Amino acid sequence: MQKNIQLRLALPEDVPILRELIDASVRGLQTQDYTPAQIEGALKTVFGVDSQLIADGTYIVAESESKIVGCGGWSKRKTLFGSDHWSGREDVLLDPVCDAAKIRAFFIHPEWARRGVGGMILKACEDAARAAGFKRYEMGATLTGAKLFGVKGYLAVRPISIPLANGEVLPVIHMEKQA
């Protein structure tokens, strides 16, 4: 675990910084897995801040010297992926007895990639979801993120093709893990 990283819940006033972080993360880290057109389409359609996670108190930011360097969350709602501007949202509450908590919206600043930040946030999310009674976790992982999540015990269930507003399609992987 990084000694100079602190985790805390995201606040509404973090949203402008989170937007910048998400943009930098996607443009800096996903170019090996997605085309420029997919990245641009995803930033306009599916990637971005999910204010419901912030309102629910389930979105975590990682800070170093008071600068946000990563973010990610978990959800007790049905939506598997997508930001505020994603049209496929389903905000129905899940039943922890039979439903899986959704691991959502992980973005790490490129300067902090592969330094354990994502793993720290993931563990905090899993711990919080488990404390809320969930026994399973699932996500729609980007091709980039699936590498981290696979190492952390998530198994690929099926591919998902997300249609983007610019006509492109974003391939992601539905992944699951038992608590």
Protein backbone atom coordinates (compact mmCIF):
# COMPACT_ATOMS: atom_id res chain seq x y z
CA MET A 1 0.00 0.00 0.00
CA GLN A 2 1.25 3.46 -0.86
CA LYS A 3 2.23 5.44 2.23
CA ASN A 4 1.67 8.81 0.59
CA ILE A 5 -1.85 7.98 -0.67
CA GLN A 6 -4.96 8.69 1.35
CA LEU A 7 -8.44 7.50 0.43
CA ARG A 8 -11.62 9.44 1.15
CA LEU A 9 -15.16 9.65 -0.12
CA ALA A 10 -15.66 11.94 -3.10
CA LEU A 11 -17.55 15.17 -2.51
CA PRO A 12 -19.73 17.16 -4.94
CA GLU A 13 -17.07 19.88 -5.02
CA ASP A 14 -14.59 17.31 -6.42
CA VAL A 15 -16.55 16.98 -9.68
CA PRO A 16 -14.54 19.51 -11.78
CA ILE A 17 -11.26 17.87 -10.73
CA LEU A 18 -12.71 14.40 -11.35
CA ARG A 19 -13.74 15.43 -14.89
CA GLU A 20 -10.15 16.48 -15.61
CA LEU A 21 -8.77 13.28 -14.06
CA ILE A 22 -11.12 11.07 -16.08
CA ASP A 23 -10.19 12.84 -19.31
CA ALA A 24 -6.45 12.51 -18.57
CA SER A 25 -6.82 8.86 -17.54
CA VAL A 26 -8.79 7.81 -20.61
CA ARG A 27 -6.59 9.73 -23.06
CA GLY A 28 -3.38 8.65 -21.35
CA LEU A 29 -3.99 5.02 -20.47
CA GLN A 30 -6.51 3.57 -22.91
CA THR A 31 -4.77 4.28 -26.21
CA GLN A 32 -3.31 0.75 -26.35
CA ASP A 33 -6.80 -0.77 -26.22
CA TYR A 34 -9.08 1.71 -28.01
CA THR A 35 -8.95 3.82 -31.15
CA PRO A 36 -9.01 7.64 -30.92
CA ALA A 37 -12.62 7.59 -32.23
CA GLN A 38 -13.66 5.10 -29.53
CA ILE A 39 -11.98 7.21 -26.84
CA GLU A 40 -13.65 10.42 -28.01
CA GLY A 41 -17.03 8.71 -28.32
CA ALA A 42 -16.71 7.10 -24.89
CA LEU A 43 -15.80 10.41 -23.23
CA LYS A 44 -18.96 11.95 -24.68
CA THR A 45 -21.26 8.98 -24.11
CA VAL A 46 -20.27 6.66 -21.27
CA PHE A 47 -17.09 7.78 -19.41
CA GLY A 48 -17.37 10.59 -16.90
CA VAL A 49 -18.48 11.47 -13.41
CA ASP A 50 -21.44 9.57 -11.93
CA SER A 51 -22.89 11.97 -9.37
CA GLN A 52 -25.20 9.23 -8.03
CA LEU A 53 -22.14 7.38 -6.69
CA ILE A 54 -21.01 10.57 -4.94
CA ALA A 55 -24.51 11.16 -3.51
CA ASP A 56 -24.68 7.53 -2.31
CA GLY A 57 -21.32 7.88 -0.53
CA THR A 58 -19.80 5.03 -2.54
CA TYR A 59 -17.28 6.90 -4.71
CA ILE A 60 -13.71 7.01 -3.44
CA VAL A 61 -10.86 9.31 -4.40
CA ALA A 62 -7.18 8.66 -3.81
CA GLU A 63 -5.13 11.71 -2.90
CA SER A 64 -1.44 12.42 -2.70
CA GLU A 65 -0.44 15.74 -1.15
CA SER A 66 -4.08 16.92 -1.45
CA LYS A 67 -4.16 16.18 -5.20
CA ILE A 68 -6.66 13.63 -6.52
CA VAL A 69 -4.70 10.95 -8.41
CA GLY A 70 -7.36 8.26 -8.80
CA CYS A 71 -11.01 7.45 -8.28
CA GLY A 72 -13.36 4.51 -8.30
CA GLY A 73 -16.49 3.32 -6.62
CA TRP A 74 -19.07 0.70 -5.97
CA SER A 75 -22.80 0.86 -6.28
CA LYS A 76 -25.85 -0.61 -4.67
CA ARG A 77 -27.82 0.33 -7.81
CA LYS A 78 -28.51 -1.68 -10.97
CA THR A 79 -26.48 0.47 -13.41
CA LEU A 80 -23.40 -1.53 -14.42
CA PHE A 81 -21.48 1.35 -16.03
CA GLY A 82 -21.91 4.88 -17.30
CA SER A 83 -21.64 8.48 -16.24
CA ASP A 84 -24.32 11.11 -15.68
CA HIS A 85 -24.70 11.52 -19.44
CA TRP A 86 -25.13 7.77 -20.15
CA SER A 87 -28.68 7.00 -21.30
CA GLY A 88 -28.70 3.38 -20.10
CA ARG A 89 -28.84 4.14 -16.37
CA GLU A 90 -30.96 2.05 -14.00
CA ASP A 91 -30.97 3.54 -10.51
CA VAL A 92 -33.07 0.78 -8.91
CA LEU A 93 -31.55 -0.39 -5.60
CA LEU A 94 -30.06 -3.87 -5.50
CA ASP A 95 -30.78 -6.62 -2.96
CA PRO A 96 -27.42 -7.65 -1.39
CA VAL A 97 -28.76 -11.15 -0.75
CA CYS A 98 -29.17 -12.02 -4.43
CA ASP A 99 -27.56 -9.18 -6.44
CA ALA A 100 -23.91 -8.29 -6.99
CA ALA A 101 -22.56 -4.88 -5.99
CA LYS A 102 -21.39 -2.96 -9.03
CA ILE A 103 -17.72 -1.93 -9.12
CA ARG A 104 -17.73 1.29 -11.11
CA ALA A 105 -15.93 4.20 -12.71
CA PHE A 106 -12.24 3.54 -11.98
CA PHE A 107 -9.85 6.12 -13.37
CA ILE A 108 -6.20 6.64 -12.44
CA HIS A 109 -4.07 9.61 -13.48
CA PRO A 110 -1.44 8.36 -15.96
CA GLU A 111 1.40 9.61 -13.73
CA TRP A 112 0.09 7.31 -10.98
CA ALA A 113 -0.64 4.23 -13.11
CA ARG A 114 0.76 0.88 -11.98
CA ARG A 115 1.63 2.19 -8.52
CA GLY A 116 -1.08 0.40 -6.54
CA VAL A 117 -3.65 3.20 -6.50
CA GLY A 118 -6.33 1.23 -8.36
CA GLY A 119 -5.80 -1.78 -6.13
CA MET A 120 -6.15 0.35 -3.00
CA ILE A 121 -9.42 1.85 -4.23
CA LEU A 122 -10.70 -1.58 -5.32
CA LYS A 123 -10.03 -3.10 -1.90
CA ALA A 124 -11.82 -0.19 -0.18
CA CYS A 125 -14.81 -0.63 -2.52
CA GLU A 126 -14.98 -4.38 -1.99
CA ASP A 127 -14.68 -3.98 1.79
CA ALA A 128 -17.48 -1.38 1.87
CA ALA A 129 -19.76 -3.45 -0.36
CA ARG A 130 -19.11 -6.55 1.77
CA ALA A 131 -19.92 -4.52 4.91
CA ALA A 132 -23.22 -3.55 3.22
CA GLY A 133 -24.06 -7.25 2.87
CA PHE A 134 -23.02 -7.97 -0.72
CA LYS A 135 -21.51 -11.40 -1.44
CA ARG A 136 -20.57 -10.81 -5.09
CA TYR A 137 -19.17 -7.99 -7.20
CA GLU A 138 -19.53 -7.34 -10.93
CA MET A 139 -18.43 -4.70 -13.39
CA GLY A 140 -18.25 -3.65 -16.99
CA ALA A 141 -14.45 -3.39 -17.24
CA THR A 142 -12.66 -1.55 -19.99
CA LEU A 143 -10.10 -3.61 -21.87
CA THR A 144 -7.48 -1.53 -20.04
CA GLY A 145 -9.01 -2.05 -16.58
CA ALA A 146 -9.69 -5.76 -17.12
CA LYS A 147 -5.97 -6.42 -16.74
CA LEU A 148 -5.95 -5.08 -13.16
CA PHE A 149 -9.27 -6.67 -12.26
CA GLY A 150 -8.19 -10.07 -13.59
CA VAL A 151 -5.13 -9.98 -11.31
CA LYS A 152 -7.47 -9.11 -8.41
CA GLY A 153 -9.59 -12.24 -8.91
CA TYR A 154 -12.30 -11.05 -11.29
CA LEU A 155 -13.32 -13.48 -14.01
CA ALA A 156 -14.55 -12.52 -17.46
CA VAL A 157 -18.20 -13.49 -17.95
CA ARG A 158 -18.98 -12.12 -21.40
CA PRO A 159 -18.06 -9.31 -23.78
CA ILE A 160 -20.27 -6.23 -23.92
CA SER A 161 -20.44 -3.86 -26.90
CA ILE A 162 -21.47 -0.34 -25.88
CA PRO A 163 -22.85 1.79 -28.73
CA LEU A 164 -21.40 5.30 -28.67
CA ALA A 165 -23.05 8.53 -29.88
CA ASN A 166 -20.46 8.95 -32.67
CA GLY A 167 -21.36 5.59 -34.24
CA GLU A 168 -18.41 3.73 -32.73
CA VAL A 169 -18.73 0.73 -30.42
CA LEU A 170 -16.76 0.39 -27.18
CA PRO A 171 -15.91 -3.21 -26.25
CA VAL A 172 -15.84 -3.89 -22.50
CA ILE A 173 -15.85 -7.07 -20.45
CA HIS A 174 -18.50 -8.07 -17.93
CA MET A 175 -16.48 -9.43 -15.00
CA GLU A 176 -17.50 -10.97 -11.66
CA LYS A 177 -15.94 -11.97 -8.35
CA GLN A 178 -17.22 -13.67 -5.22
CA ALA A 179 -16.76 -11.72 -1.97
